């Protein structure tokens, strides 16, 4: 899996380990019902970095797919898996699509997204912007609201990537139960961006919300995105939903943050708050209905192999990364990050 990052300023201190530290957060963890596939995912820098600094040229990054077993994919080649893109890819590309797993419709693409996010985070740090994410829900189990300090302290010390340790325990139990039943479970990830200045975003077609939503929907398995109060605004009155302005420490802020840090597609200086709904892993061992594309008749399928019972914990770093990539683009456009870093 490789990715090309264009537009990164020259002069940024960048080593393979900077990126490796982020990629390692995506690795499957024991006790969370995640795949037994054990890719080393060692990051290689192919271009755009010389003597430890970015050169201004496109940055080429690579991790190899080595722990590969395509047997299952060969056996189900003409049986589109429910919930997967097998059927749409088959028709769109005239059966020339690579059906063996690990391609552009696979969760494997997120390795590249995390590598890009690692570079974006380093650039955002220069502008004082911090990006966080955490597991807010798995199945019907919801984490209680956590402080920023709890999120910073607990998330990557916790295999569920959940800041609420008690909820994480119940989530782990649920995942174990669902796995034994040959099923899978989805959840919700909350992303946060802090110290974002006022004015990022370009109406009408380049709004902050629009670009963030587009980037987050590019993550396989994301089926819903909401900002701030999200869909609950449909039940509110304006008097409940509007965020009153006030002056605090000689700075204009809002007393609440139902807008999620964005007004009119432009950042308002409050924390960006976005939540994504992640669907259950479609690959399950339970028997499901499908069709045989070769015989054009109804069929059944039971998927074996190495699959996550819940991909939510591994997707937390991916959500972080995509938020960072979008905000980094906007920060560069706004001149918050210089084209040459000295």
Protein backbone atom coordinates (compact mmCIF):
# COMPACT_ATOMS: atom_id res chain seq x y z
CA UNK A 1 0.00 0.00 0.00
CA UNK A 2 1.48 3.34 -1.05
CA UNK A 3 0.45 6.96 -1.05
CA UNK A 4 1.72 10.17 -2.62
CA UNK A 5 1.51 13.41 -0.61
CA UNK A 6 1.77 16.56 -2.73
CA UNK A 7 1.99 20.14 -1.50
CA UNK A 8 3.97 19.52 1.69
CA UNK A 9 6.26 22.50 2.39
CA UNK A 10 10.02 22.08 2.22
CA UNK A 11 12.04 21.99 5.41
CA UNK A 12 9.75 19.89 7.62
CA UNK A 13 11.70 17.53 9.87
CA UNK A 14 10.41 14.09 8.90
CA UNK A 15 11.72 10.61 9.67
CA UNK A 16 10.14 7.23 8.91
CA UNK A 17 9.58 6.74 12.65
CA UNK A 18 7.35 9.82 12.78
CA UNK A 19 5.00 8.06 10.38
CA UNK A 20 5.56 4.60 11.86
CA UNK A 21 4.32 5.77 15.27
CA UNK A 22 0.96 6.68 13.73
CA UNK A 23 0.69 3.57 11.54
CA UNK A 24 1.31 1.37 14.58
CA UNK A 25 -1.85 2.78 16.19
CA UNK A 26 -3.84 1.13 13.40
CA UNK A 27 -2.52 -2.38 14.13
CA UNK A 28 -4.97 -5.04 15.41
CA UNK A 29 -4.89 -5.49 19.17
CA UNK A 30 -5.37 -8.66 21.20
CA UNK A 31 -8.63 -9.02 23.08
CA UNK A 32 -10.68 -6.75 20.83
CA UNK A 33 -12.00 -9.30 18.33
CA UNK A 34 -9.76 -7.96 15.59
CA UNK A 35 -8.16 -9.80 12.70
CA UNK A 36 -5.29 -12.22 13.30
CA UNK A 37 -3.63 -10.85 10.18
CA UNK A 38 -0.25 -9.57 11.36
CA UNK A 39 1.18 -7.16 8.81
CA UNK A 40 4.41 -5.54 9.99
CA UNK A 41 3.46 -2.36 8.10
CA UNK A 42 7.01 -1.00 8.15
CA UNK A 43 7.00 2.43 6.58
CA UNK A 44 9.39 3.21 3.75
CA UNK A 45 9.97 6.75 2.45
CA UNK A 46 10.50 6.61 -1.31
CA UNK A 47 10.75 10.29 -2.23
CA UNK A 48 10.33 13.86 -1.05
CA UNK A 49 12.65 13.61 1.96
CA UNK A 50 16.40 14.27 1.96
CA UNK A 51 18.65 14.30 5.00
CA UNK A 52 15.69 14.21 7.34
CA UNK A 53 13.81 17.17 5.82
CA UNK A 54 11.06 17.40 3.24
CA UNK A 55 12.26 18.79 -0.07
CA UNK A 56 9.01 20.28 -1.40
CA UNK A 57 8.67 17.44 -3.93
CA UNK A 58 5.87 14.87 -3.62
CA UNK A 59 6.42 12.50 -0.71
CA UNK A 60 6.11 8.81 -1.60
CA UNK A 61 5.35 6.44 1.29
CA UNK A 62 4.99 2.67 1.21
CA UNK A 63 4.05 -0.30 3.39
CA UNK A 64 4.08 -3.80 1.93
CA UNK A 65 1.24 -6.33 1.96
CA UNK A 66 3.01 -9.52 3.05
CA UNK A 67 0.63 -11.55 5.22
CA UNK A 68 -1.56 -12.45 2.24
CA UNK A 69 -3.96 -15.36 1.75
CA UNK A 70 -6.18 -15.05 -1.35
CA UNK A 71 -7.65 -18.57 -1.19
CA UNK A 72 -10.97 -17.48 0.27
CA UNK A 73 -11.36 -14.74 -2.35
CA UNK A 74 -10.79 -17.24 -5.16
CA UNK A 75 -13.48 -19.53 -3.76
CA UNK A 76 -16.06 -16.73 -3.54
CA UNK A 77 -15.08 -14.90 -6.71
CA UNK A 78 -18.56 -15.17 -8.25
CA UNK A 79 -20.45 -14.88 -4.94
CA UNK A 80 -20.64 -11.18 -4.01
CA UNK A 81 -20.38 -10.80 -0.25
CA UNK A 82 -23.33 -8.91 1.28
CA UNK A 83 -22.23 -5.52 2.58
CA UNK A 84 -19.06 -5.49 0.44
CA UNK A 85 -18.36 -3.70 -2.85
CA UNK A 86 -17.85 -7.00 -4.73
CA UNK A 87 -20.99 -6.62 -6.84
CA UNK A 88 -20.60 -2.91 -7.67
CA UNK A 89 -16.88 -3.32 -8.48
CA UNK A 90 -17.60 -6.35 -10.65
CA UNK A 91 -20.07 -4.43 -12.80
CA UNK A 92 -18.30 -1.07 -12.81
CA UNK A 93 -14.99 -2.54 -14.02
CA UNK A 94 -16.35 -5.28 -16.27
CA UNK A 95 -15.01 -8.09 -14.07
CA UNK A 96 -11.44 -6.79 -14.45
CA UNK A 97 -11.46 -5.66 -10.81
CA UNK A 98 -8.96 -7.30 -8.45
CA UNK A 99 -11.18 -9.40 -6.19
CA UNK A 100 -8.41 -10.83 -3.98
CA UNK A 101 -8.72 -8.37 -1.09
CA UNK A 102 -6.37 -5.57 -0.09
CA UNK A 103 -7.44 -3.31 -2.99
CA UNK A 104 -9.13 0.05 -3.21
CA UNK A 105 -12.39 -1.23 -1.68
CA UNK A 106 -10.55 -2.80 1.25
CA UNK A 107 -9.89 -1.44 4.71
CA UNK A 108 -6.25 -1.85 3.72
CA UNK A 109 -6.39 1.57 2.05
CA UNK A 110 -6.54 3.14 5.49
CA UNK A 111 -2.82 2.41 5.97
CA UNK A 112 -2.12 5.03 3.33
CA UNK A 113 -4.58 7.48 4.88
CA UNK A 114 -2.82 7.18 8.23
CA UNK A 115 0.57 7.81 6.63
CA UNK A 116 -0.77 11.01 5.07
CA UNK A 117 -2.30 11.99 8.41
CA UNK A 118 1.04 11.60 10.14
CA UNK A 119 2.59 14.25 7.91
CA UNK A 120 -0.47 16.50 8.23
CA UNK A 121 -0.33 16.32 12.03
CA UNK A 122 3.31 17.43 12.05
CA UNK A 123 2.39 20.42 9.92
CA UNK A 124 -0.67 21.29 12.02
CA UNK A 125 1.47 21.25 15.15
CA UNK A 126 3.37 24.20 13.69
CA UNK A 127 0.06 26.11 13.67
CA UNK A 128 -0.84 24.95 17.18
CA UNK A 129 -3.76 22.77 15.98
CA UNK A 130 -4.35 19.44 17.73
CA UNK A 131 -6.50 16.57 16.41
CA UNK A 132 -7.93 13.83 18.62
CA UNK A 133 -10.39 10.97 18.20
CA UNK A 134 -11.87 8.26 20.41
CA UNK A 135 -14.40 5.44 20.43
CA UNK A 136 -17.70 6.92 21.58
CA UNK A 137 -19.91 3.88 21.05
CA UNK A 138 -19.82 0.21 20.06
CA UNK A 139 -23.16 -1.42 19.46
CA UNK A 140 -25.53 0.08 22.03
CA UNK A 141 -22.79 0.70 24.59
CA UNK A 142 -21.99 4.41 24.83
CA UNK A 143 -19.00 5.94 26.56
CA UNK A 144 -19.69 8.73 29.02
CA UNK A 145 -18.43 12.18 28.09
CA UNK A 146 -14.70 12.42 28.78
CA UNK A 147 -12.46 15.41 29.34
CA UNK A 148 -9.80 16.30 26.81
CA UNK A 149 -7.16 15.19 29.29
CA UNK A 150 -8.83 11.77 29.65
CA UNK A 151 -8.94 11.39 25.88
CA UNK A 152 -5.27 12.32 25.53
CA UNK A 153 -4.26 10.02 28.40
CA UNK A 154 -6.41 6.94 27.87
CA UNK A 155 -7.22 6.38 24.21
CA UNK A 156 -3.98 4.88 22.92
CA UNK A 157 -3.33 3.00 26.14
CA UNK A 158 -6.66 1.26 25.70
CA UNK A 159 -7.24 -1.49 23.08
CA UNK A 160 -10.80 -0.23 22.49
CA UNK A 161 -9.47 3.32 21.90
CA UNK A 162 -12.10 4.49 24.39
CA UNK A 163 -11.39 7.17 27.01
CA UNK A 164 -14.06 5.73 29.34
CA UNK A 165 -12.37 2.68 30.84
CA UNK A 166 -15.57 1.22 32.29
CA UNK A 167 -17.36 1.47 28.94
CA UNK A 168 -14.31 -0.05 27.24
CA UNK A 169 -14.63 -3.14 29.42
CA UNK A 170 -18.30 -3.58 28.48
CA UNK A 171 -17.48 -2.97 24.81
CA UNK A 172 -14.83 -5.69 24.92
CA UNK A 173 -17.33 -8.12 26.44
CA UNK A 174 -19.86 -7.29 23.74
CA UNK A 175 -17.31 -7.83 20.96
CA UNK A 176 -16.36 -11.20 22.44
CA UNK A 177 -20.01 -12.26 22.61
CA UNK A 178 -20.79 -11.10 19.07
CA UNK A 179 -17.71 -12.89 17.73
CA UNK A 180 -18.81 -16.17 19.26
CA UNK A 181 -22.13 -15.76 17.45
CA UNK A 182 -20.35 -15.45 14.11
CA UNK A 183 -21.42 -11.83 13.74
CA UNK A 184 -19.95 -8.32 13.91
CA UNK A 185 -20.85 -4.95 15.40
CA UNK A 186 -20.44 -1.29 14.44
CA UNK A 187 -20.09 1.90 16.44
CA UNK A 188 -19.38 5.63 16.56
CA UNK A 189 -16.07 7.50 16.59
CA UNK A 190 -15.86 11.12 17.70
CA UNK A 191 -13.19 13.39 16.25
CA UNK A 192 -12.04 16.69 17.74
CA UNK A 193 -9.86 19.49 16.41
CA UNK A 194 -8.60 22.03 18.96
CA UNK A 195 -7.14 25.53 18.63
CA UNK A 196 -8.55 25.88 15.12
CA UNK A 197 -8.51 29.58 14.16
CA UNK A 198 -11.52 31.49 12.91
CA UNK A 199 -11.94 31.62 9.13
CA UNK A 200 -10.85 28.26 7.70
CA UNK A 201 -13.11 27.09 4.89
CA UNK A 202 -14.16 28.48 1.53
CA UNK A 203 -17.89 28.81 0.79
CA UNK A 204 -19.78 27.61 -1.17
CA UNK A 205 -18.29 24.37 -2.50
CA UNK A 206 -15.16 24.23 -0.36
CA UNK A 207 -16.74 24.44 3.08
CA UNK A 208 -14.96 22.93 6.05
CA UNK A 209 -17.89 20.60 6.75
CA UNK A 210 -18.10 19.56 3.12
CA UNK A 211 -14.43 18.64 2.84
CA UNK A 212 -14.34 16.91 6.20
CA UNK A 213 -17.45 14.88 5.36
CA UNK A 214 -16.03 13.90 1.98
CA UNK A 215 -12.75 12.80 3.56
CA UNK A 216 -14.45 10.86 6.34
CA UNK A 217 -16.79 9.10 3.91
CA UNK A 218 -13.68 7.98 2.01
CA UNK A 219 -12.91 5.71 4.98
CA UNK A 220 -14.32 2.25 4.21
CA UNK A 221 -17.32 1.37 6.43
CA UNK A 222 -18.23 4.96 7.36
CA UNK A 223 -21.95 5.40 6.71
CA UNK A 224 -22.81 8.58 8.60
CA UNK A 225 -21.18 11.90 9.54
CA UNK A 226 -22.55 14.60 11.86
CA UNK A 227 -21.15 17.82 13.28
CA UNK A 228 -21.82 19.32 16.68
CA UNK A 229 -25.36 18.53 17.79
CA UNK A 230 -25.81 16.66 14.52
CA UNK A 231 -29.19 15.14 13.73
CA UNK A 232 -30.57 16.16 17.11
CA UNK A 233 -30.92 19.72 15.75
CA UNK A 234 -34.04 18.49 13.97
CA UNK A 235 -35.75 18.25 17.37
CA UNK A 236 -34.53 21.57 18.74
CA UNK A 237 -35.79 25.13 18.59
CA UNK A 238 -33.43 27.91 17.58
CA UNK A 239 -33.41 29.16 21.16
CA UNK A 240 -32.00 25.77 22.18
CA UNK A 241 -29.67 25.22 19.24
CA UNK A 242 -28.08 28.64 18.73
CA UNK A 243 -24.71 29.10 20.40
CA UNK A 244 -24.69 32.45 22.28
CA UNK A 245 -21.54 34.56 21.82
CA UNK A 246 -19.63 35.85 24.81
CA UNK A 247 -16.24 37.40 25.62
CA UNK A 248 -13.82 35.27 27.63
CA UNK A 249 -10.22 36.25 28.33
CA UNK A 250 -10.50 39.02 25.72
CA UNK A 251 -11.57 36.49 23.11
CA UNK A 252 -14.94 35.93 21.44
CA UNK A 253 -16.23 32.41 22.08
CA UNK A 254 -19.62 30.69 22.24
CA UNK A 255 -21.20 29.43 25.44
CA UNK A 256 -22.22 26.16 23.80
CA UNK A 257 -20.96 24.36 20.70
CA UNK A 258 -23.98 22.89 18.94
CA UNK A 259 -22.48 24.10 15.65
CA UNK A 260 -19.45 21.88 16.19
CA UNK A 261 -17.00 24.69 15.54
CA UNK A 262 -18.28 25.58 12.08
CA UNK A 263 -20.73 28.28 10.94
CA UNK A 264 -21.57 28.89 7.29
CA UNK A 265 -18.96 26.33 6.32
CA UNK A 266 -16.24 28.42 8.04
CA UNK A 267 -14.52 27.62 11.34
CA UNK A 268 -15.61 29.87 14.21
CA UNK A 269 -12.71 29.28 16.59
CA UNK A 270 -14.47 26.72 18.77
CA UNK A 271 -13.40 23.06 18.78
CA UNK A 272 -14.49 21.13 15.70
CA UNK A 273 -16.61 18.21 16.84
CA UNK A 274 -17.53 15.50 14.34
CA UNK A 275 -18.88 11.98 14.79
CA UNK A 276 -18.82 9.15 12.28
CA UNK A 277 -21.00 6.04 12.23
CA UNK A 278 -19.06 2.90 11.34
CA UNK A 279 -21.01 -0.08 10.05
CA UNK A 280 -20.46 -3.66 11.27
CA UNK A 281 -17.73 -5.56 9.45
CA UNK A 282 -19.63 -7.22 6.56
CA UNK A 283 -17.43 -10.33 6.57
CA UNK A 284 -19.12 -12.73 9.01
CA UNK A 285 -19.18 -16.49 9.37
CA UNK A 286 -22.97 -16.60 9.63
CA UNK A 287 -24.63 -17.92 6.49
CA UNK A 288 -26.02 -15.12 4.30
CA UNK A 289 -28.01 -14.95 1.08
CA UNK A 290 -26.27 -13.90 -2.14
CA UNK A 291 -26.27 -14.77 -5.85
CA UNK A 292 -23.94 -16.72 -8.12
CA UNK A 293 -22.89 -14.26 -10.83
CA UNK A 294 -21.69 -17.06 -13.09
CA UNK A 295 -24.80 -19.23 -12.86
CA UNK A 296 -27.21 -16.30 -12.34
CA UNK A 297 -29.02 -18.08 -9.55
CA UNK A 298 -29.58 -17.60 -5.84
CA UNK A 299 -26.88 -18.88 -3.50
CA UNK A 300 -25.65 -18.74 0.08
CA UNK A 301 -22.30 -17.74 1.51
CA UNK A 302 -20.47 -18.13 4.80
CA UNK A 303 -17.28 -16.10 5.03
CA UNK A 304 -14.23 -17.58 6.71
CA UNK A 305 -10.83 -15.99 7.04
CA UNK A 306 -9.34 -13.30 9.28
CA UNK A 307 -11.79 -10.49 9.88
CA UNK A 308 -12.49 -7.93 12.61
CA UNK A 309 -15.56 -8.42 14.81
CA UNK A 310 -15.53 -4.63 15.12
CA UNK A 311 -13.32 -2.34 13.08
CA UNK A 312 -14.19 0.69 15.22
CA UNK A 313 -11.06 0.67 17.46
CA UNK A 314 -8.69 0.41 14.48
CA UNK A 315 -10.57 3.18 12.66
CA UNK A 316 -10.02 5.77 15.42
CA UNK A 317 -6.56 6.72 14.13
CA UNK A 318 -7.95 6.81 10.58
CA UNK A 319 -10.61 9.37 11.57
CA UNK A 320 -7.90 11.42 13.29
CA UNK A 321 -5.77 11.25 10.17
CA UNK A 322 -8.46 12.35 7.73
CA UNK A 323 -9.45 15.31 9.90
CA UNK A 324 -5.78 16.30 10.03
CA UNK A 325 -5.35 16.04 6.25
CA UNK A 326 -8.33 18.30 5.53
CA UNK A 327 -7.42 20.91 8.15
CA UNK A 328 -3.81 20.90 6.96
CA UNK A 329 -4.97 21.71 3.42
CA UNK A 330 -7.09 24.60 4.71
CA UNK A 331 -4.27 25.87 6.95
CA UNK A 332 -1.88 25.89 3.98
CA UNK A 333 -4.42 27.77 1.85
CA UNK A 334 -4.87 30.32 4.64
CA UNK A 335 -1.12 30.88 4.97
CA UNK A 336 -0.96 29.54 8.54
CA UNK A 337 1.80 27.15 7.49
CA UNK A 338 4.65 28.60 5.45
CA UNK A 339 5.77 27.03 2.16
CA UNK A 340 9.31 26.77 3.47
CA UNK A 341 9.77 25.75 7.11
CA UNK A 342 12.90 27.08 8.75
